[in-house]
PDB file of all heavy atoms in Angstrom:
ATOM      1  N   LEU A   1      15.436  -5.051  -6.488  1.00  0.00           N
ATOM      2  CA  LEU A   1      14.579  -5.853  -5.499  1.00  0.00           C
ATOM      3  C   LEU A   1      15.224  -5.740  -4.061  1.00  0.00           C
ATOM      4  O   LEU A   1      14.519  -5.998  -3.048  1.00  0.00           O
ATOM      5  CB  LEU A   1      14.536  -7.298  -5.853  1.00  0.00           C
ATOM      6  CG  LEU A   1      14.049  -7.517  -7.326  1.00  0.00           C
ATOM      7  CD1 LEU A   1      13.999  -9.013  -7.604  1.00  0.00           C
ATOM      8  CD2 LEU A   1      12.747  -6.921  -7.529  1.00  0.00           C
ATOM      9  N   GLY A   2      16.469  -5.310  -3.971  1.00  0.00           N
ATOM     10  CA  GLY A   2      17.076  -5.179  -2.654  1.00  0.00           C
ATOM     11  C   GLY A   2      18.474  -4.685  -2.773  1.00  0.00           C
ATOM     12  O   GLY A   2      19.076  -4.603  -3.920  1.00  0.00           O
ATOM     13  N   GLN A   3      19.050  -4.287  -1.706  1.00  0.00           N
ATOM     14  CA  GLN A   3      20.408  -3.818  -1.646  1.00  0.00           C
ATOM     15  C   GLN A   3      21.086  -4.109  -0.315  1.00  0.00           C
ATOM     16  O   GLN A   3      20.387  -4.230   0.691  1.00  0.00           O
ATOM     17  CB  GLN A   3      20.477  -2.292  -1.924  1.00  0.00           C
ATOM     18  CG  GLN A   3      19.770  -1.451  -0.943  1.00  0.00           C
ATOM     19  CD  GLN A   3      18.357  -1.048  -1.394  1.00  0.00           C
ATOM     20  OE1 GLN A   3      17.809  -1.486  -2.384  1.00  0.00           O
ATOM     21  NE2 GLN A   3      17.788  -0.032  -0.697  1.00  0.00           N
ATOM     22  N   CYS A   4      22.397  -4.202  -0.345  1.00  0.00           N
ATOM     23  CA  CYS A   4      23.186  -4.408   0.866  1.00  0.00           C
ATOM     24  C   CYS A   4      24.393  -3.483   0.760  1.00  0.00           C
ATOM     25  O   CYS A   4      25.162  -3.552  -0.204  1.00  0.00           O
ATOM     26  CB  CYS A   4      23.636  -5.860   1.039  1.00  0.00           C
ATOM     27  SG  CYS A   4      24.620  -6.186   2.509  1.00  0.00           S
ATOM     28  N   GLU A   5      24.513  -2.578   1.717  1.00  0.00           N
ATOM     29  CA  GLU A   5      25.651  -1.695   1.815  1.00  0.00           C
ATOM     30  C   GLU A   5      26.538  -2.028   2.925  1.00  0.00           C
ATOM     31  O   GLU A   5      26.048  -2.377   4.069  1.00  0.00           O
ATOM     32  CB  GLU A   5      25.090  -0.258   2.020  1.00  0.00           C
ATOM     33  CG  GLU A   5      26.217   0.788   2.015  1.00  0.00           C
ATOM     34  CD  GLU A   5      25.668   2.191   2.146  1.00  0.00           C
ATOM     35  OE1 GLU A   5      24.486   2.421   1.990  1.00  0.00           O
ATOM     36  OE2 GLU A   5      26.514   3.063   2.416  1.00  0.00           O
ATOM     37  N   ILE A   6      27.836  -1.981   2.732  1.00  0.00           N
ATOM     38  CA  ILE A   6      28.776  -2.127   3.817  1.00  0.00           C
ATOM     39  C   ILE A   6      29.605  -0.831   3.766  1.00  0.00           C
ATOM     40  O   ILE A   6      30.371  -0.558   2.921  1.00  0.00           O
ATOM     41  CB  ILE A   6      29.683  -3.322   3.728  1.00  0.00           C
ATOM     42  CG1 ILE A   6      28.861  -4.603   3.849  1.00  0.00           C
ATOM     43  CG2 ILE A   6      30.765  -3.334   4.821  1.00  0.00           C
ATOM     44  CD1 ILE A   6      29.518  -5.897   3.857  1.00  0.00           C
ATOM     45  N   SER A   7      29.345   0.005   4.888  1.00  0.00           N
ATOM     46  CA  SER A   7      30.003   1.257   4.896  1.00  0.00           C
ATOM     47  C   SER A   7      31.213   1.220   5.864  1.00  0.00           C
ATOM     48  O   SER A   7      31.380   0.317   6.616  1.00  0.00           O
ATOM     49  CB  SER A   7      28.989   2.352   5.398  1.00  0.00           C
ATOM     50  OG  SER A   7      28.419   1.965   6.606  1.00  0.00           O
ATOM     51  N   ASN A   8      32.065   2.223   5.614  1.00  0.00           N
ATOM     52  CA  ASN A   8      33.276   2.299   6.447  1.00  0.00           C
ATOM     53  C   ASN A   8      32.936   2.853   7.886  1.00  0.00           C
ATOM     54  O   ASN A   8      32.031   3.624   8.053  1.00  0.00           O
ATOM     55  CB  ASN A   8      34.283   3.178   5.765  1.00  0.00           C
ATOM     56  CG  ASN A   8      34.738   2.608   4.395  1.00  0.00           C
ATOM     57  OD1 ASN A   8      34.868   1.414   4.264  1.00  0.00           O
ATOM     58  ND2 ASN A   8      34.921   3.526   3.447  1.00  0.00           N
ATOM     59  N   SER A   9      33.815   2.489   8.826  1.00  0.00           N
ATOM     60  CA  SER A   9      33.676   3.034  10.144  1.00  0.00           C
ATOM     61  C   SER A   9      34.146   4.482  10.162  1.00  0.00           C
ATOM     62  O   SER A   9      34.984   4.914   9.301  1.00  0.00           O
ATOM     63  CB  SER A   9      34.644   2.224  11.121  1.00  0.00           C
ATOM     64  OG  SER A   9      34.676   2.936  12.370  1.00  0.00           O
ATOM     65  N   GLU A  10      33.589   5.279  11.005  1.00  0.00           N
ATOM     66  CA  GLU A  10      33.961   6.712  11.057  1.00  0.00           C
ATOM     67  C   GLU A  10      35.228   6.874  11.873  1.00  0.00           C
ATOM     68  O   GLU A  10      35.764   7.970  11.959  1.00  0.00           O
ATOM     69  CB  GLU A  10      32.823   7.541  11.616  1.00  0.00           C
ATOM     70  CG  GLU A  10      32.530   7.267  13.105  1.00  0.00           C
ATOM     71  CD  GLU A  10      31.438   6.152  13.298  1.00  0.00           C
ATOM     72  OE1 GLU A  10      31.193   5.385  12.390  1.00  0.00           O
ATOM     73  OE2 GLU A  10      30.891   6.094  14.386  1.00  0.00           O
ATOM     74  N   TRP A  11      35.771   5.848  12.516  1.00  0.00           N
ATOM     75  CA  TRP A  11      36.949   5.926  13.332  1.00  0.00           C
ATOM     76  C   TRP A  11      38.165   5.510  12.653  1.00  0.00           C
ATOM     77  O   TRP A  11      38.231   4.474  11.980  1.00  0.00           O
ATOM     78  CB  TRP A  11      36.736   5.042  14.598  1.00  0.00           C
ATOM     79  CG  TRP A  11      35.489   5.403  15.360  1.00  0.00           C
ATOM     80  CD1 TRP A  11      34.375   4.700  15.476  1.00  0.00           C
ATOM     81  CD2 TRP A  11      35.301   6.592  16.156  1.00  0.00           C
ATOM     82  NE1 TRP A  11      33.431   5.376  16.239  1.00  0.00           N
ATOM     83  CE2 TRP A  11      33.991   6.528  16.671  1.00  0.00           C
ATOM     84  CE3 TRP A  11      36.069   7.744  16.487  1.00  0.00           C
ATOM     85  CZ2 TRP A  11      33.486   7.557  17.490  1.00  0.00           C
ATOM     86  CZ3 TRP A  11      35.495   8.696  17.216  1.00  0.00           C
ATOM     87  CH2 TRP A  11      34.260   8.602  17.731  1.00  0.00           C
ATOM     88  N   ASP A  12      39.263   6.286  12.804  1.00  0.00           N
ATOM     89  CA  ASP A  12      40.551   6.015  12.180  1.00  0.00           C
ATOM     90  C   ASP A  12      41.095   4.587  12.540  1.00  0.00           C
ATOM     91  O   ASP A  12      41.695   3.910  11.702  1.00  0.00           O
ATOM     92  CB  ASP A  12      41.597   7.049  12.535  1.00  0.00           C
ATOM     93  CG  ASP A  12      41.237   8.427  11.965  1.00  0.00           C
ATOM     94  OD1 ASP A  12      40.450   8.464  11.011  1.00  0.00           O
ATOM     95  OD2 ASP A  12      41.820   9.420  12.558  1.00  0.00           O
ATOM     96  N   ALA A  13      40.919   4.235  13.803  1.00  0.00           N
ATOM     97  CA  ALA A  13      41.449   2.977  14.289  1.00  0.00           C
ATOM     98  C   ALA A  13      40.553   1.761  14.010  1.00  0.00           C
ATOM     99  O   ALA A  13      40.844   0.674  14.469  1.00  0.00           O
ATOM    100  CB  ALA A  13      41.758   3.031  15.791  1.00  0.00           C
ATOM    101  N   ALA A  14      39.552   1.997  13.218  1.00  0.00           N
ATOM    102  CA  ALA A  14      38.557   0.907  12.880  1.00  0.00           C
ATOM    103  C   ALA A  14      38.376   0.712  11.396  1.00  0.00           C
ATOM    104  O   ALA A  14      37.258   0.308  11.005  1.00  0.00           O
ATOM    105  CB  ALA A  14      37.268   1.130  13.667  1.00  0.00           C
ATOM    106  N   THR A  15      39.369   1.000  10.669  1.00  0.00           N
ATOM    107  CA  THR A  15      39.265   0.880   9.181  1.00  0.00           C
ATOM    108  C   THR A  15      39.099  -0.586   8.737  1.00  0.00           C
ATOM    109  O   THR A  15      38.645  -0.817   7.631  1.00  0.00           O
ATOM    110  CB  THR A  15      40.461   1.528   8.434  1.00  0.00           C
ATOM    111  OG1 THR A  15      41.637   0.859   8.861  1.00  0.00           O
ATOM    112  CG2 THR A  15      40.534   2.989   8.670  1.00  0.00           C
ATOM    113  N   HIS A  16      39.371  -1.524   9.603  1.00  0.00           N
ATOM    114  CA  HIS A  16      39.204  -2.930   9.313  1.00  0.00           C
ATOM    115  C   HIS A  16      37.771  -3.422   9.528  1.00  0.00           C
ATOM    116  O   HIS A  16      37.441  -4.553   9.248  1.00  0.00           O
ATOM    117  CB  HIS A  16      40.164  -3.788  10.202  1.00  0.00           C
ATOM    118  CG  HIS A  16      39.837  -3.725  11.666  1.00  0.00           C
ATOM    119  ND1 HIS A  16      40.055  -2.569  12.396  1.00  0.00           N
ATOM    120  CD2 HIS A  16      39.342  -4.649  12.531  1.00  0.00           C
ATOM    121  CE1 HIS A  16      39.679  -2.792  13.642  1.00  0.00           C
ATOM    122  NE2 HIS A  16      39.260  -4.117  13.779  1.00  0.00           N
ATOM    123  N   ILE A  17      36.872  -2.512   9.921  1.00  0.00           N
ATOM    124  CA  ILE A  17      35.467  -2.873  10.224  1.00  0.00           C
ATOM    125  C   ILE A  17      34.563  -2.191   9.208  1.00  0.00           C
ATOM    126  O   ILE A  17      34.726  -1.031   8.883  1.00  0.00           O
ATOM    127  CB  ILE A  17      35.076  -2.371  11.600  1.00  0.00           C
ATOM    128  CG1 ILE A  17      35.958  -3.150  12.684  1.00  0.00           C
ATOM    129  CG2 ILE A  17      33.651  -2.584  11.912  1.00  0.00           C
ATOM    130  CD1 ILE A  17      35.804  -2.674  14.089  1.00  0.00           C
ATOM    131  N   GLY A  18      33.562  -3.003   8.808  1.00  0.00           N
ATOM    132  CA  GLY A  18      32.517  -2.429   7.913  1.00  0.00           C
ATOM    133  C   GLY A  18      31.192  -2.588   8.615  1.00  0.00           C
ATOM    134  O   GLY A  18      30.955  -3.568   9.335  1.00  0.00           O
ATOM    135  N   LYS A  19      30.259  -1.651   8.362  1.00  0.00           N
ATOM    136  CA  LYS A  19      28.936  -1.736   8.910  1.00  0.00           C
ATOM    137  C   LYS A  19      27.932  -2.070   7.888  1.00  0.00           C
ATOM    138  O   LYS A  19      27.820  -1.346   6.903  1.00  0.00           O
ATOM    139  CB  LYS A  19      28.615  -0.372   9.593  1.00  0.00           C
ATOM    140  CG  LYS A  19      27.260  -0.414  10.343  1.00  0.00           C
ATOM    141  CD  LYS A  19      27.050   0.822  11.136  1.00  0.00           C
ATOM    142  CE  LYS A  19      25.704   0.694  11.813  1.00  0.00           C
ATOM    143  NZ  LYS A  19      25.442   1.820  12.651  1.00  0.00           N
ATOM    144  N   LEU A  20      27.207  -3.120   8.130  1.00  0.00           N
ATOM    145  CA  LEU A  20      26.247  -3.691   7.172  1.00  0.00           C
ATOM    146  C   LEU A  20      24.839  -3.162   7.353  1.00  0.00           C
ATOM    147  O   LEU A  20      24.390  -3.086   8.473  1.00  0.00           O
ATOM    148  CB  LEU A  20      26.273  -5.185   7.290  1.00  0.00           C
ATOM    149  CG  LEU A  20      25.452  -5.988   6.239  1.00  0.00           C
ATOM    150  CD1 LEU A  20      26.157  -7.266   5.849  1.00  0.00           C
ATOM    151  CD2 LEU A  20      24.084  -6.298   6.796  1.00  0.00           C
ATOM    152  N   GLY A  21      24.176  -2.873   6.236  1.00  0.00           N
ATOM    153  CA  GLY A  21      22.763  -2.547   6.254  1.00  0.00           C
ATOM    154  C   GLY A  21      22.156  -3.232   4.982  1.00  0.00           C
ATOM    155  O   GLY A  21      22.766  -3.287   3.909  1.00  0.00           O
ATOM    156  N   VAL A  22      21.015  -3.900   5.178  1.00  0.00           N
ATOM    157  CA  VAL A  22      20.461  -4.571   4.042  1.00  0.00           C
ATOM    158  C   VAL A  22      18.931  -4.339   3.954  1.00  0.00           C
ATOM    159  O   VAL A  22      18.280  -4.199   5.021  1.00  0.00           O
ATOM    160  CB  VAL A  22      20.657  -6.148   4.086  1.00  0.00           C
ATOM    161  CG1 VAL A  22      20.100  -6.742   5.358  1.00  0.00           C
ATOM    162  CG2 VAL A  22      20.259  -6.862   2.853  1.00  0.00           C
ATOM    163  N   ILE A  23      18.368  -4.210   2.784  1.00  0.00           N
ATOM    164  CA  ILE A  23      16.980  -3.995   2.580  1.00  0.00           C
ATOM    165  C   ILE A  23      16.539  -4.855   1.401  1.00  0.00           C
ATOM    166  O   ILE A  23      17.266  -4.949   0.361  1.00  0.00           O
ATOM    167  CB  ILE A  23      16.712  -2.512   2.157  1.00  0.00           C
ATOM    168  CG1 ILE A  23      16.910  -1.595   3.414  1.00  0.00           C
ATOM    169  CG2 ILE A  23      15.317  -2.323   1.622  1.00  0.00           C
ATOM    170  CD1 ILE A  23      16.839  -0.127   3.082  1.00  0.00           C
ATOM    171  N   VAL A  24      15.402  -5.507   1.551  1.00  0.00           N
ATOM    172  CA  VAL A  24      14.781  -6.261   0.471  1.00  0.00           C
ATOM    173  C   VAL A  24      13.301  -5.820   0.382  1.00  0.00           C
ATOM    174  O   VAL A  24      12.644  -5.675   1.384  1.00  0.00           O
ATOM    175  CB  VAL A  24      14.846  -7.788   0.688  1.00  0.00           C
ATOM    176  CG1 VAL A  24      14.105  -8.558  -0.349  1.00  0.00           C
ATOM    177  CG2 VAL A  24      16.296  -8.261   0.756  1.00  0.00           C
ATOM    178  N   LYS A  25      12.871  -5.559  -0.814  1.00  0.00           N
ATOM    179  CA  LYS A  25      11.493  -5.121  -1.046  1.00  0.00           C
ATOM    180  C   LYS A  25      10.479  -6.122  -0.363  1.00  0.00           C
ATOM    181  O   LYS A  25      10.795  -7.357  -0.449  1.00  0.00           O
ATOM    182  CB  LYS A  25      11.095  -5.091  -2.551  1.00  0.00           C
ATOM    183  CG  LYS A  25      11.744  -3.942  -3.255  1.00  0.00           C
ATOM    184  CD  LYS A  25      11.476  -3.999  -4.757  1.00  0.00           C
ATOM    185  CE  LYS A  25      10.128  -3.413  -4.957  1.00  0.00           C
ATOM    186  NZ  LYS A  25       9.993  -2.720  -6.320  1.00  0.00           N
ATOM    187  N   SER A  26       9.432  -5.621   0.137  1.00  0.00           N
ATOM    188  CA  SER A  26       8.517  -6.497   0.922  1.00  0.00           C
ATOM    189  C   SER A  26       8.007  -7.708   0.070  1.00  0.00           C
ATOM    190  O   SER A  26       7.928  -8.791   0.631  1.00  0.00           O
ATOM    191  CB  SER A  26       7.301  -5.677   1.502  1.00  0.00           C
ATOM    192  OG  SER A  26       6.627  -5.072   0.443  1.00  0.00           O
ATOM    193  N   ASP A  27       7.742  -7.489  -1.198  1.00  0.00           N
ATOM    194  CA  ASP A  27       7.187  -8.609  -2.015  1.00  0.00           C
ATOM    195  C   ASP A  27       8.242  -9.646  -2.325  1.00  0.00           C
ATOM    196  O   ASP A  27       7.907 -10.705  -2.857  1.00  0.00           O
ATOM    197  CB  ASP A  27       6.656  -8.055  -3.370  1.00  0.00           C
ATOM    198  CG  ASP A  27       5.422  -7.237  -3.207  1.00  0.00           C
ATOM    199  OD1 ASP A  27       4.846  -7.252  -2.114  1.00  0.00           O
ATOM    200  OD2 ASP A  27       5.068  -6.499  -4.110  1.00  0.00           O
ATOM    201  N   TYR A  28       9.505  -9.376  -2.005  1.00  0.00           N
ATOM    202  CA  TYR A  28      10.621 -10.310  -2.368  1.00  0.00           C
ATOM    203  C   TYR A  28      11.310 -10.868  -1.125  1.00  0.00           C
ATOM    204  O   TYR A  28      12.409 -11.413  -1.262  1.00  0.00           O
ATOM    205  CB  TYR A  28      11.623  -9.635  -3.370  1.00  0.00           C
ATOM    206  CG  TYR A  28      11.003  -9.658  -4.800  1.00  0.00           C
ATOM    207  CD1 TYR A  28      10.134  -8.610  -5.143  1.00  0.00           C
ATOM    208  CD2 TYR A  28      11.239 -10.678  -5.630  1.00  0.00           C
ATOM    209  CE1 TYR A  28       9.592  -8.570  -6.408  1.00  0.00           C
ATOM    210  CE2 TYR A  28      10.670 -10.663  -6.901  1.00  0.00           C
ATOM    211  CZ  TYR A  28       9.823  -9.647  -7.255  1.00  0.00           C
ATOM    212  OH  TYR A  28       9.268  -9.659  -8.579  1.00  0.00           O
ATOM    213  N   ARG A  29      10.779 -10.684   0.005  1.00  0.00           N
ATOM    214  CA  ARG A  29      11.391 -11.232   1.253  1.00  0.00           C
ATOM    215  C   ARG A  29      11.129 -12.747   1.337  1.00  0.00           C
ATOM    216  O   ARG A  29      10.158 -13.210   0.788  1.00  0.00           O
ATOM    217  CB  ARG A  29      10.881 -10.441   2.430  1.00  0.00           C
ATOM    218  CG  ARG A  29      11.309  -9.010   2.483  1.00  0.00           C
ATOM    219  CD  ARG A  29      10.712  -8.224   3.687  1.00  0.00           C
ATOM    220  NE  ARG A  29      11.034  -6.872   3.428  1.00  0.00           N
ATOM    221  CZ  ARG A  29      10.278  -5.850   3.968  1.00  0.00           C
ATOM    222  NH1 ARG A  29       9.271  -6.100   4.681  1.00  0.00           N
ATOM    223  NH2 ARG A  29      10.630  -4.583   3.697  1.00  0.00           N
ATOM    224  N   ASN A  30      11.993 -13.366   2.055  1.00  0.00           N
ATOM    225  CA  ASN A  30      11.919 -14.828   2.320  1.00  0.00           C
ATOM    226  C   ASN A  30      12.143 -15.653   1.012  1.00  0.00           C
ATOM    227  O   ASN A  30      11.650 -16.795   0.935  1.00  0.00           O
ATOM    228  CB  ASN A  30      10.569 -15.211   2.963  1.00  0.00           C
ATOM    229  CG  ASN A  30      10.414 -14.597   4.337  1.00  0.00           C
ATOM    230  OD1 ASN A  30      11.397 -14.600   5.105  1.00  0.00           O
ATOM    231  ND2 ASN A  30       9.278 -14.143   4.596  1.00  0.00           N
ATOM    232  N   LEU A  31      12.848 -15.127   0.051  1.00  0.00           N
ATOM    233  CA  LEU A  31      13.098 -15.833  -1.201  1.00  0.00           C
ATOM    234  C   LEU A  31      14.581 -16.096  -1.415  1.00  0.00           C
ATOM    235  O   LEU A  31      14.957 -16.653  -2.449  1.00  0.00           O
ATOM    236  CB  LEU A  31      12.556 -15.083  -2.411  1.00  0.00           C
ATOM    237  CG  LEU A  31      11.024 -14.808  -2.424  1.00  0.00           C
ATOM    238  CD1 LEU A  31      10.617 -13.960  -3.615  1.00  0.00           C
ATOM    239  CD2 LEU A  31      10.285 -16.135  -2.440  1.00  0.00           C
ATOM    240  N   GLY A  32      15.451 -15.711  -0.453  1.00  0.00           N
ATOM    241  CA  GLY A  32      16.841 -15.940  -0.549  1.00  0.00           C
ATOM    242  C   GLY A  32      17.697 -14.777  -1.041  1.00  0.00           C
ATOM    243  O   GLY A  32      18.920 -14.874  -1.088  1.00  0.00           O
ATOM    244  N   ILE A  33      17.065 -13.656  -1.374  1.00  0.00           N
ATOM    245  CA  ILE A  33      17.749 -12.509  -1.885  1.00  0.00           C
ATOM    246  C   ILE A  33      18.687 -11.910  -0.810  1.00  0.00           C
ATOM    247  O   ILE A  33      19.864 -11.553  -1.138  1.00  0.00           O
ATOM    248  CB  ILE A  33      16.812 -11.478  -2.395  1.00  0.00           C
ATOM    249  CG1 ILE A  33      16.116 -11.943  -3.642  1.00  0.00           C
ATOM    250  CG2 ILE A  33      17.540 -10.131  -2.719  1.00  0.00           C
ATOM    251  CD1 ILE A  33      15.050 -11.079  -4.219  1.00  0.00           C
ATOM    252  N   GLY A  34      18.193 -11.746   0.372  1.00  0.00           N
ATOM    253  CA  GLY A  34      18.975 -11.151   1.451  1.00  0.00           C
ATOM    254  C   GLY A  34      20.280 -11.910   1.666  1.00  0.00           C
ATOM    255  O   GLY A  34      21.361 -11.294   1.836  1.00  0.00           O
TER     256      GLY A  34
END
């Protein structure tokens, strides 16, 4: 129904940072999944 990815930074000096992306199927939005 949805997914959330936290990817690594491409920079050596930023390994402490993660980049978030989240997707929830349209029929399941606004239900608390995100």
